[in-house]
Amino acid sequence: MPNPTPVTATNDRAAILASYGESERLCREAERKRITSLSRSRAWELEQQGKFPTRRRLGSNSCAWLLSDLLLWLHQQPQAKRSHAA
C-alpha cells in the first residue's frame, strides 16, 4: 500500500499560505526571484542538489514553482546571524 502524503505537509502548506493571505498558485521566474532573492543560476544549482523546490514544467519553454513550495523553502533557511559592531 503506497504511503499517502503526510497530513503535516498539507497543513504546513495551508498554514504558510494563510499566514501570507495567499492561495496556492504558480509563480514564474520573476516572482520566484523576488520571493527568494536568488539568481536564476543559483536557484538552478540548488535545485540540482535537491536543496530547492523543483520547478513544474508548463511547456517546452516555460516553468513555474508552487508558491507554497517557495514559502516553505524560505522559512526553512537558517537565519543570518547579526553582529553588533560597537
PDB file of N, CA and C in Angstrom:
ATOM      1  N   MET A   1       0.843  -1.179   0.000  1.00  0.00           N
ATOM      2  CA  MET A   1       0.000   0.000   0.000  1.00  0.00           C
ATOM      3  C   MET A   1       0.889   1.242   0.000  1.00  0.00           C
ATOM      4  N   PRO A   2       0.687   2.172  -0.958  1.00  0.00           N
ATOM      5  CA  PRO A   2       1.532   3.368  -1.006  1.00  0.00           C
ATOM      6  C   PRO A   2       1.269   4.289   0.171  1.00  0.00           C
ATOM      7  N   ASN A   3       2.323   5.003   0.568  1.00  0.00           N
ATOM      8  CA  ASN A   3       2.192   5.964   1.662  1.00  0.00           C
ATOM      9  C   ASN A   3       1.507   7.220   1.164  1.00  0.00           C
ATOM     10  N   PRO A   4       0.451   7.662   1.825  1.00  0.00           N
ATOM     11  CA  PRO A   4      -0.195   8.919   1.425  1.00  0.00           C
ATOM     12  C   PRO A   4       0.681  10.106   1.816  1.00  0.00           C
ATOM     13  N   THR A   5       0.425  11.261   1.228  1.00  0.00           N
ATOM     14  CA  THR A   5       1.138  12.474   1.593  1.00  0.00           C
ATOM     15  C   THR A   5       0.894  12.764   3.066  1.00  0.00           C
ATOM     16  N   PRO A   6       1.956  13.028   3.831  1.00  0.00           N
ATOM     17  CA  PRO A   6       1.756  13.299   5.258  1.00  0.00           C
ATOM     18  C   PRO A   6       0.817  14.485   5.470  1.00  0.00           C
ATOM     19  N   VAL A   7      -0.033  14.331   6.463  1.00  0.00           N
ATOM     20  CA  VAL A   7      -1.010  15.385   6.759  1.00  0.00           C
ATOM     21  C   VAL A   7      -0.293  16.666   7.158  1.00  0.00           C
ATOM     22  N   THR A   8       0.827  16.550   7.859  1.00  0.00           N
ATOM     23  CA  THR A   8       1.536  17.748   8.296  1.00  0.00           C
ATOM     24  C   THR A   8       2.028  18.568   7.108  1.00  0.00           C
ATOM     25  N   ALA A   9       2.430  17.910   6.034  1.00  0.00           N
ATOM     26  CA  ALA A   9       2.886  18.649   4.859  1.00  0.00           C
ATOM     27  C   ALA A   9       1.740  19.470   4.276  1.00  0.00           C
ATOM     28  N   THR A  10       0.565  18.884   4.206  1.00  0.00           N
ATOM     29  CA  THR A  10      -0.607  19.598   3.709  1.00  0.00           C
ATOM     30  C   THR A  10      -0.956  20.738   4.649  1.00  0.00           C
ATOM     31  N   ASN A  11      -0.915  20.468   5.940  1.00  0.00           N
ATOM     32  CA  ASN A  11      -1.206  21.514   6.926  1.00  0.00           C
ATOM     33  C   ASN A  11      -0.169  22.623   6.880  1.00  0.00           C
ATOM     34  N   ASP A  12       1.112  22.264   6.692  1.00  0.00           N
ATOM     35  CA  ASP A  12       2.168  23.270   6.592  1.00  0.00           C
ATOM     36  C   ASP A  12       1.931  24.174   5.390  1.00  0.00           C
ATOM     37  N   ARG A  13       1.563  23.576   4.259  1.00  0.00           N
ATOM     38  CA  ARG A  13       1.297  24.359   3.051  1.00  0.00           C
ATOM     39  C   ARG A  13       0.140  25.329   3.286  1.00  0.00           C
ATOM     40  N   ALA A  14      -0.938  24.820   3.838  1.00  0.00           N
ATOM     41  CA  ALA A  14      -2.112  25.662   4.090  1.00  0.00           C
ATOM     42  C   ALA A  14      -1.777  26.771   5.083  1.00  0.00           C
ATOM     43  N   ALA A  15      -1.020  26.445   6.121  1.00  0.00           N
ATOM     44  CA  ALA A  15      -0.680  27.427   7.150  1.00  0.00           C
ATOM     45  C   ALA A  15       0.213  28.534   6.599  1.00  0.00           C
ATOM     46  N   ILE A  16       1.218  28.161   5.814  1.00  0.00           N
ATOM     47  CA  ILE A  16       2.129  29.184   5.296  1.00  0.00           C
ATOM     48  C   ILE A  16       1.401  30.095   4.316  1.00  0.00           C
ATOM     49  N   LEU A  17       0.541  29.529   3.493  1.00  0.00           N
ATOM     50  CA  LEU A  17      -0.226  30.348   2.553  1.00  0.00           C
ATOM     51  C   LEU A  17      -1.181  31.272   3.304  1.00  0.00           C
ATOM     52  N   ALA A  18      -1.834  30.749   4.332  1.00  0.00           N
ATOM     53  CA  ALA A  18      -2.769  31.558   5.118  1.00  0.00           C
ATOM     54  C   ALA A  18      -2.046  32.701   5.827  1.00  0.00           C
ATOM     55  N   SER A  19      -0.837  32.439   6.304  1.00  0.00           N
ATOM     56  CA  SER A  19      -0.099  33.487   7.021  1.00  0.00           C
ATOM     57  C   SER A  19       0.260  34.656   6.113  1.00  0.00           C
ATOM     58  N   TYR A  20       0.333  34.403   4.815  1.00  0.00           N
ATOM     59  CA  TYR A  20       0.611  35.466   3.852  1.00  0.00           C
ATOM     60  C   TYR A  20      -0.664  35.960   3.166  1.00  0.00           C
ATOM     61  N   GLY A  21      -1.805  35.378   3.516  1.00  0.00           N
ATOM     62  CA  GLY A  21      -3.058  35.770   2.898  1.00  0.00           C
ATOM     63  C   GLY A  21      -3.116  35.403   1.429  1.00  0.00           C
ATOM     64  N   GLU A  22      -2.469  34.299   1.068  1.00  0.00           N
ATOM     65  CA  GLU A  22      -2.386  33.851  -0.321  1.00  0.00           C
ATOM     66  C   GLU A  22      -3.080  32.512  -0.482  1.00  0.00           C
ATOM     67  N   SER A  23      -3.384  32.182  -1.721  1.00  0.00           N
ATOM     68  CA  SER A  23      -3.869  30.848  -2.056  1.00  0.00           C
ATOM     69  C   SER A  23      -2.826  30.219  -2.972  1.00  0.00           C
ATOM     70  N   GLU A  24      -2.903  28.913  -3.130  1.00  0.00           N
ATOM     71  CA  GLU A  24      -1.915  28.205  -3.950  1.00  0.00           C
ATOM     72  C   GLU A  24      -1.987  28.678  -5.393  1.00  0.00           C
ATOM     73  N   ARG A  25      -0.829  28.919  -5.964  1.00  0.00           N
ATOM     74  CA  ARG A  25      -0.742  29.316  -7.372  1.00  0.00           C
ATOM     75  C   ARG A  25       0.662  29.052  -7.861  1.00  0.00           C
ATOM     76  N   LEU A  26       0.842  29.176  -9.150  1.00  0.00           N
ATOM     77  CA  LEU A  26       2.155  29.004  -9.749  1.00  0.00           C
ATOM     78  C   LEU A  26       2.863  30.350  -9.839  1.00  0.00           C
ATOM     79  N   CYS A  27       4.168  30.339  -9.601  1.00  0.00           N
ATOM     80  CA  CYS A  27       4.994  31.543  -9.678  1.00  0.00           C
ATOM     81  C   CYS A  27       6.015  31.358 -10.786  1.00  0.00           C
ATOM     82  N   ARG A  28       6.078  32.327 -11.673  1.00  0.00           N
ATOM     83  CA  ARG A  28       7.048  32.287 -12.756  1.00  0.00           C
ATOM     84  C   ARG A  28       8.382  32.838 -12.259  1.00  0.00           C
ATOM     85  N   GLU A  29       9.374  32.876 -13.124  1.00  0.00           N
ATOM     86  CA  GLU A  29      10.755  33.217 -12.754  1.00  0.00           C
ATOM     87  C   GLU A  29      10.897  34.558 -12.033  1.00  0.00           C
ATOM     88  N   ALA A  30      10.295  35.609 -12.553  1.00  0.00           N
ATOM     89  CA  ALA A  30      10.462  36.932 -11.931  1.00  0.00           C
ATOM     90  C   ALA A  30       9.948  36.942 -10.496  1.00  0.00           C
ATOM     91  N   GLU A  31       8.815  36.308 -10.255  1.00  0.00           N
ATOM     92  CA  GLU A  31       8.267  36.266  -8.904  1.00  0.00           C
ATOM     93  C   GLU A  31       9.100  35.351  -8.012  1.00  0.00           C
ATOM     94  N   ARG A  32       9.591  34.234  -8.558  1.00  0.00           N
ATOM     95  CA  ARG A  32      10.459  33.339  -7.793  1.00  0.00           C
ATOM     96  C   ARG A  32      11.688  34.103  -7.321  1.00  0.00           C
ATOM     97  N   LYS A  33      12.261  34.912  -8.196  1.00  0.00           N
ATOM     98  CA  LYS A  33      13.448  35.677  -7.832  1.00  0.00           C
ATOM     99  C   LYS A  33      13.111  36.714  -6.762  1.00  0.00           C
ATOM    100  N   ARG A  34      11.969  37.369  -6.888  1.00  0.00           N
ATOM    101  CA  ARG A  34      11.564  38.370  -5.893  1.00  0.00           C
ATOM    102  C   ARG A  34      11.351  37.731  -4.517  1.00  0.00           C
ATOM    103  N   ILE A  35      10.755  36.553  -4.490  1.00  0.00           N
ATOM    104  CA  ILE A  35      10.469  35.870  -3.221  1.00  0.00           C
ATOM    105  C   ILE A  35      11.741  35.342  -2.573  1.00  0.00           C
ATOM    106  N   THR A  36      12.620  34.717  -3.349  1.00  0.00           N
ATOM    107  CA  THR A  36      13.788  34.037  -2.782  1.00  0.00           C
ATOM    108  C   THR A  36      15.063  34.868  -2.775  1.00  0.00           C
ATOM    109  N   SER A  37      15.131  35.893  -3.604  1.00  0.00           N
ATOM    110  CA  SER A  37      16.331  36.725  -3.763  1.00  0.00           C
ATOM    111  C   SER A  37      17.512  35.947  -4.324  1.00  0.00           C
ATOM    112  N   LEU A  38      17.257  34.823  -4.947  1.00  0.00           N
ATOM    113  CA  LEU A  38      18.324  34.028  -5.556  1.00  0.00           C
ATOM    114  C   LEU A  38      18.384  34.305  -7.048  1.00  0.00           C
ATOM    115  N   SER A  39      19.601  34.324  -7.589  1.00  0.00           N
ATOM    116  CA  SER A  39      19.734  34.450  -9.032  1.00  0.00           C
ATOM    117  C   SER A  39      19.206  33.176  -9.694  1.00  0.00           C
ATOM    118  N   ARG A  40      18.945  33.272 -10.967  1.00  0.00           N
ATOM    119  CA  ARG A  40      18.450  32.118 -11.710  1.00  0.00           C
ATOM    120  C   ARG A  40      19.447  30.956 -11.648  1.00  0.00           C
ATOM    121  N   SER A  41      20.726  31.262 -11.808  1.00  0.00           N
ATOM    122  CA  SER A  41      21.729  30.195 -11.817  1.00  0.00           C
ATOM    123  C   SER A  41      21.894  29.556 -10.443  1.00  0.00           C
ATOM    124  N   ARG A  42      21.839  30.362  -9.373  1.00  0.00           N
ATOM    125  CA  ARG A  42      21.967  29.794  -8.020  1.00  0.00           C
ATOM    126  C   ARG A  42      20.764  28.926  -7.672  1.00  0.00           C
ATOM    127  N   ALA A  43      19.574  29.363  -8.052  1.00  0.00           N
ATOM    128  CA  ALA A  43      18.375  28.553  -7.814  1.00  0.00           C
ATOM    129  C   ALA A  43      18.484  27.226  -8.561  1.00  0.00           C
ATOM    130  N   TRP A  44      18.968  27.275  -9.784  1.00  0.00           N
ATOM    131  CA  TRP A  44      19.131  26.050 -10.578  1.00  0.00           C
ATOM    132  C   TRP A  44      20.143  25.114  -9.914  1.00  0.00           C
ATOM    133  N   GLU A  45      21.284  25.668  -9.447  1.00  0.00           N
ATOM    134  CA  GLU A  45      22.297  24.844  -8.770  1.00  0.00           C
ATOM    135  C   GLU A  45      21.705  24.152  -7.544  1.00  0.00           C
ATOM    136  N   LEU A  46      20.997  24.912  -6.721  1.00  0.00           N
ATOM    137  CA  LEU A  46      20.393  24.329  -5.518  1.00  0.00           C
ATOM    138  C   LEU A  46      19.334  23.298  -5.872  1.00  0.00           C
ATOM    139  N   GLU A  47      18.580  23.549  -6.917  1.00  0.00           N
ATOM    140  CA  GLU A  47      17.570  22.582  -7.355  1.00  0.00           C
ATOM    141  C   GLU A  47      18.227  21.275  -7.791  1.00  0.00           C
ATOM    142  N   GLN A  48      19.341  21.362  -8.503  1.00  0.00           N
ATOM    143  CA  GLN A  48      20.062  20.167  -8.942  1.00  0.00           C
ATOM    144  C   GLN A  48      20.621  19.382  -7.768  1.00  0.00           C
ATOM    145  N   GLN A  49      20.926  20.070  -6.671  1.00  0.00           N
ATOM    146  CA  GLN A  49      21.445  19.427  -5.460  1.00  0.00           C
ATOM    147  C   GLN A  49      20.327  18.916  -4.548  1.00  0.00           C
ATOM    148  N   GLY A  50      19.072  19.170  -4.929  1.00  0.00           N
ATOM    149  CA  GLY A  50      17.940  18.764  -4.107  1.00  0.00           C
ATOM    150  C   GLY A  50      17.704  19.682  -2.919  1.00  0.00           C
ATOM    151  N   LYS A  51      18.230  20.899  -2.975  1.00  0.00           N
ATOM    152  CA  LYS A  51      18.118  21.843  -1.857  1.00  0.00           C
ATOM    153  C   LYS A  51      17.175  22.999  -2.151  1.00  0.00           C
ATOM    154  N   PHE A  52      16.421  22.913  -3.249  1.00  0.00           N
ATOM    155  CA  PHE A  52      15.495  23.968  -3.646  1.00  0.00           C
ATOM    156  C   PHE A  52      14.290  23.300  -4.292  1.00  0.00           C
ATOM    157  N   PRO A  53      13.115  23.894  -4.162  1.00  0.00           N
ATOM    158  CA  PRO A  53      11.913  23.276  -4.740  1.00  0.00           C
ATOM    159  C   PRO A  53      12.058  23.000  -6.245  1.00  0.00           C
ATOM    160  N   THR A  54      11.488  21.909  -6.666  1.00  0.00           N
ATOM    161  CA  THR A  54      11.523  21.515  -8.067  1.00  0.00           C
ATOM    162  C   THR A  54      10.533  22.335  -8.874  1.00  0.00           C
ATOM    163  N   ARG A  55      10.986  22.784 -10.026  1.00  0.00           N
ATOM    164  CA  ARG A  55      10.106  23.555 -10.916  1.00  0.00           C
ATOM    165  C   ARG A  55       9.110  22.641 -11.598  1.00  0.00           C
ATOM    166  N   ARG A  56       7.992  23.201 -11.992  1.00  0.00           N
ATOM    167  CA  ARG A  56       6.951  22.480 -12.722  1.00  0.00           C
ATOM    168  C   ARG A  56       7.033  22.906 -14.181  1.00  0.00           C
ATOM    169  N   ARG A  57       7.146  21.961 -15.064  1.00  0.00           N
ATOM    170  CA  ARG A  57       7.198  22.276 -16.494  1.00  0.00           C
ATOM    171  C   ARG A  57       5.804  22.621 -16.988  1.00  0.00           C
ATOM    172  N   LEU A  58       5.672  23.765 -17.631  1.00  0.00           N
ATOM    173  CA  LEU A  58       4.391  24.198 -18.175  1.00  0.00           C
ATOM    174  C   LEU A  58       4.316  23.972 -19.676  1.00  0.00           C
ATOM    175  N   GLY A  59       5.447  23.861 -20.294  1.00  0.00           N
ATOM    176  CA  GLY A  59       5.540  23.666 -21.733  1.00  0.00           C
ATOM    177  C   GLY A  59       6.998  23.464 -22.086  1.00  0.00           C
ATOM    178  N   SER A  60       7.316  23.497 -23.358  1.00  0.00           N
ATOM    179  CA  SER A  60       8.699  23.251 -23.763  1.00  0.00           C
ATOM    180  C   SER A  60       9.639  24.380 -23.353  1.00  0.00           C
ATOM    181  N   ASN A  61       9.122  25.595 -23.198  1.00  0.00           N
ATOM    182  CA  ASN A  61       9.973  26.735 -22.859  1.00  0.00           C
ATOM    183  C   ASN A  61       9.516  27.507 -21.630  1.00  0.00           C
ATOM    184  N   SER A  62       8.720  26.891 -20.780  1.00  0.00           N
ATOM    185  CA  SER A  62       8.255  27.622 -19.602  1.00  0.00           C
ATOM    186  C   SER A  62       8.148  26.703 -18.395  1.00  0.00           C
ATOM    187  N   CYS A  63       8.336  27.315 -17.239  1.00  0.00           N
ATOM    188  CA  CYS A  63       8.234  26.572 -15.990  1.00  0.00           C
ATOM    189  C   CYS A  63       7.748  27.523 -14.903  1.00  0.00           C
ATOM    190  N   ALA A  64       7.372  26.943 -13.773  1.00  0.00           N
ATOM    191  CA  ALA A  64       6.902  27.723 -12.630  1.00  0.00           C
ATOM    192  C   ALA A  64       7.090  26.891 -11.372  1.00  0.00           C
ATOM    193  N   TRP A  65       6.969  27.542 -10.234  1.00  0.00           N
ATOM    194  CA  TRP A  65       7.080  26.883  -8.937  1.00  0.00           C
ATOM    195  C   TRP A  65       5.781  27.096  -8.179  1.00  0.00           C
ATOM    196  N   LEU A  66       5.427  26.147  -7.319  1.00  0.00           N
ATOM    197  CA  LEU A  66       4.282  26.341  -6.435  1.00  0.00           C
ATOM    198  C   LEU A  66       4.660  27.381  -5.386  1.00  0.00           C
ATOM    199  N   LEU A  67       3.777  28.317  -5.161  1.00  0.00           N
ATOM    200  CA  LEU A  67       4.035  29.360  -4.164  1.00  0.00           C
ATOM    201  C   LEU A  67       4.314  28.745  -2.800  1.00  0.00           C
ATOM    202  N   SER A  68       3.554  27.748  -2.407  1.00  0.00           N
ATOM    203  CA  SER A  68       3.764  27.120  -1.098  1.00  0.00           C
ATOM    204  C   SER A  68       5.141  26.477  -1.000  1.00  0.00           C
ATOM    205  N   ASP A  69       5.654  25.884  -2.089  1.00  0.00           N
ATOM    206  CA  ASP A  69       7.000  25.308  -2.082  1.00  0.00           C
ATOM    207  C   ASP A  69       8.043  26.384  -1.806  1.00  0.00           C
ATOM    208  N   LEU A  70       7.905  27.527  -2.462  1.00  0.00           N
ATOM    209  CA  LEU A  70       8.864  28.612  -2.278  1.00  0.00           C
ATOM    210  C   LEU A  70       8.808  29.177  -0.864  1.00  0.00           C
ATOM    211  N   LEU A  71       7.608  29.386  -0.344  1.00  0.00           N
ATOM    212  CA  LEU A  71       7.467  29.949   1.001  1.00  0.00           C
ATOM    213  C   LEU A  71       7.967  28.984   2.072  1.00  0.00           C
ATOM    214  N   LEU A  72       7.673  27.688   1.916  1.00  0.00           N
ATOM    215  CA  LEU A  72       8.181  26.702   2.872  1.00  0.00           C
ATOM    216  C   LEU A  72       9.705  26.640   2.829  1.00  0.00           C
ATOM    217  N   TRP A  73      10.271  26.657   1.622  1.00  0.00           N
ATOM    218  CA  TRP A  73      11.724  26.644   1.489  1.00  0.00           C
ATOM    219  C   TRP A  73      12.316  27.865   2.180  1.00  0.00           C
ATOM    220  N   LEU A  74      11.727  29.023   1.955  1.00  0.00           N
ATOM    221  CA  LEU A  74      12.215  30.266   2.537  1.00  0.00           C
ATOM    222  C   LEU A  74      12.230  30.199   4.062  1.00  0.00           C
ATOM    223  N   HIS A  75      11.186  29.642   4.638  1.00  0.00           N
ATOM    224  CA  HIS A  75      11.085  29.568   6.095  1.00  0.00           C
ATOM    225  C   HIS A  75      11.946  28.471   6.700  1.00  0.00           C
ATOM    226  N   GLN A  76      12.474  27.573   5.880  1.00  0.00           N
ATOM    227  CA  GLN A  76      13.360  26.519   6.380  1.00  0.00           C
ATOM    228  C   GLN A  76      14.824  26.932   6.372  1.00  0.00           C
ATOM    229  N   GLN A  77      15.131  28.083   5.788  1.00  0.00           N
ATOM    230  CA  GLN A  77      16.516  28.547   5.705  1.00  0.00           C
ATOM    231  C   GLN A  77      16.952  29.107   7.049  1.00  0.00           C
ATOM    232  N   PRO A  78      18.209  28.830   7.425  1.00  0.00           N
ATOM    233  CA  PRO A  78      18.700  29.386   8.695  1.00  0.00           C
ATOM    234  C   PRO A  78      18.772  30.906   8.620  1.00  0.00           C
ATOM    235  N   GLN A  79      18.483  31.540   9.711  1.00  0.00           N
ATOM    236  CA  GLN A  79      18.541  32.989   9.781  1.00  0.00           C
ATOM    237  C   GLN A  79      19.996  33.433   9.898  1.00  0.00           C
ATOM    238  N   ALA A  80      20.342  34.480   9.191  1.00  0.00           N
ATOM    239  CA  ALA A  80      21.700  35.019   9.262  1.00  0.00           C
ATOM    240  C   ALA A  80      21.928  35.624  10.643  1.00  0.00           C
ATOM    241  N   LYS A  81      23.092  35.395  11.168  1.00  0.00           N
ATOM    242  CA  LYS A  81      23.436  35.956  12.466  1.00  0.00           C
ATOM    243  C   LYS A  81      23.905  37.381  12.256  1.00  0.00           C
ATOM    244  N   ARG A  82      23.422  38.252  13.088  1.00  0.00           N
ATOM    245  CA  ARG A  82      23.813  39.653  13.001  1.00  0.00           C
ATOM    246  C   ARG A  82      24.904  39.938  14.018  1.00  0.00           C
ATOM    247  N   SER A  83      25.929  40.612  13.564  1.00  0.00           N
ATOM    248  CA  SER A  83      26.977  41.021  14.501  1.00  0.00           C
ATOM    249  C   SER A  83      26.687  42.444  14.952  1.00  0.00           C
ATOM    250  N   HIS A  84      26.928  42.705  16.194  1.00  0.00           N
ATOM    251  CA  HIS A  84      26.682  44.025  16.760  1.00  0.00           C
ATOM    252  C   HIS A  84      28.008  44.748  16.878  1.00  0.00           C
ATOM    253  N   ALA A  85      28.295  45.591  15.921  1.00  0.00           N
ATOM    254  CA  ALA A  85      29.539  46.355  15.953  1.00  0.00           C
ATOM    255  C   ALA A  85      29.399  47.525  16.921  1.00  0.00           C
ATOM    256  N   ALA A  86      30.436  47.767  17.669  1.00  0.00           N
ATOM    257  CA  ALA A  86      30.395  48.865  18.642  1.00  0.00           C
ATOM    258  C   ALA A  86      30.730  50.182  18.004  1.00  0.00           C
TER     259      ALA A  86
END
